[in-house]
Amino acid sequence: MTTSKKFVALVEQDGATWIAKILRRKTARETIVSKTQDGFATQEEADKWAATELADFLKNLTAKNKRNK
């Protein structure tokens, strides 16, 4: 799974469904949910979505940062 110092993918169970979140570390004590998706039937589906979205999210963020420099 793709991870970075500031971003991480988290998968949680909510009853019978699974929720995938992309979290951003704002400060040492505060995290912000950057993207979320719910309604997954299995943990594997949620993990796959989270890994794919985190990789795309980081790729887009890197491209955006390069354009702004």
Protein backbone atom coordinates (compact mmCIF):
# COMPACT_ATOMS: atom_id res chain seq x y z
CA MET A 1 0.00 0.00 0.00
CA THR A 2 1.19 3.47 -0.81
CA THR A 3 1.87 5.61 2.23
CA SER A 4 3.65 8.83 2.93
CA LYS A 5 4.62 10.81 5.99
CA LYS A 6 1.54 13.04 5.73
CA PHE A 7 -1.06 10.74 4.14
CA VAL A 8 -2.35 7.30 5.06
CA ALA A 9 -5.26 5.08 4.02
CA LEU A 10 -7.51 3.77 6.80
CA VAL A 11 -10.22 1.09 6.56
CA GLU A 12 -12.88 0.77 9.28
CA GLN A 13 -15.87 -1.51 9.74
CA ASP A 14 -19.28 0.12 10.27
CA GLY A 15 -21.76 -2.62 11.05
CA ALA A 16 -21.98 -4.88 8.01
CA THR A 17 -20.16 -2.49 5.64
CA TRP A 18 -16.64 -1.11 5.40
CA ILE A 19 -15.48 2.52 5.12
CA ALA A 20 -12.22 3.60 3.46
CA LYS A 21 -10.66 6.96 4.31
CA ILE A 22 -7.62 8.92 3.18
CA LEU A 23 -6.26 10.85 6.15
CA ARG A 24 -3.89 13.83 6.14
CA ARG A 25 -1.74 14.63 9.14
CA LYS A 26 -2.18 18.40 9.68
CA THR A 27 -0.19 18.64 12.91
CA ALA A 28 1.19 16.16 15.41
CA ARG A 29 -2.20 16.09 17.13
CA GLU A 30 -4.67 16.75 14.34
CA THR A 31 -5.69 14.68 11.33
CA ILE A 32 -8.07 15.62 8.53
CA VAL A 33 -10.11 13.27 6.35
CA SER A 34 -9.23 14.21 2.77
CA LYS A 35 -11.41 11.62 1.03
CA THR A 36 -13.85 8.92 2.10
CA GLN A 37 -15.97 6.19 0.54
CA ASP A 38 -18.38 3.85 2.29
CA GLY A 39 -20.60 0.91 1.44
CA PHE A 40 -17.96 -1.73 0.70
CA ALA A 41 -19.13 -5.31 1.27
CA THR A 42 -15.68 -6.67 2.19
CA GLN A 43 -12.49 -5.35 3.71
CA GLU A 44 -10.53 -6.37 0.62
CA GLU A 45 -12.68 -4.13 -1.60
CA ALA A 46 -12.17 -1.22 0.78
CA ASP A 47 -8.40 -1.84 0.96
CA LYS A 48 -8.14 -1.98 -2.83
CA TRP A 49 -10.09 1.28 -3.26
CA ALA A 50 -8.06 3.02 -0.54
CA ALA A 51 -4.72 1.96 -2.04
CA THR A 52 -5.74 3.05 -5.54
CA GLU A 53 -7.20 6.38 -4.42
CA LEU A 54 -4.23 7.17 -2.18
CA ALA A 55 -1.81 6.55 -5.05
CA ASP A 56 -3.89 8.76 -7.38
CA PHE A 57 -4.30 11.40 -4.67
CA LEU A 58 -0.54 11.59 -4.08
CA LYS A 59 0.19 11.63 -7.83
CA ASN A 60 -2.23 14.52 -8.39
CA LEU A 61 -0.88 16.40 -5.38
CA THR A 62 2.70 16.02 -6.63
CA ALA A 63 1.71 17.29 -10.08
CA LYS A 64 -0.14 20.24 -8.55
CA ASN A 65 2.84 21.14 -6.38
CA LYS A 66 5.19 21.02 -9.39
CA ARG A 67 2.91 23.39 -11.34
CA ASN A 68 2.83 25.89 -8.47
CA LYS A 69 6.62 26.14 -8.15
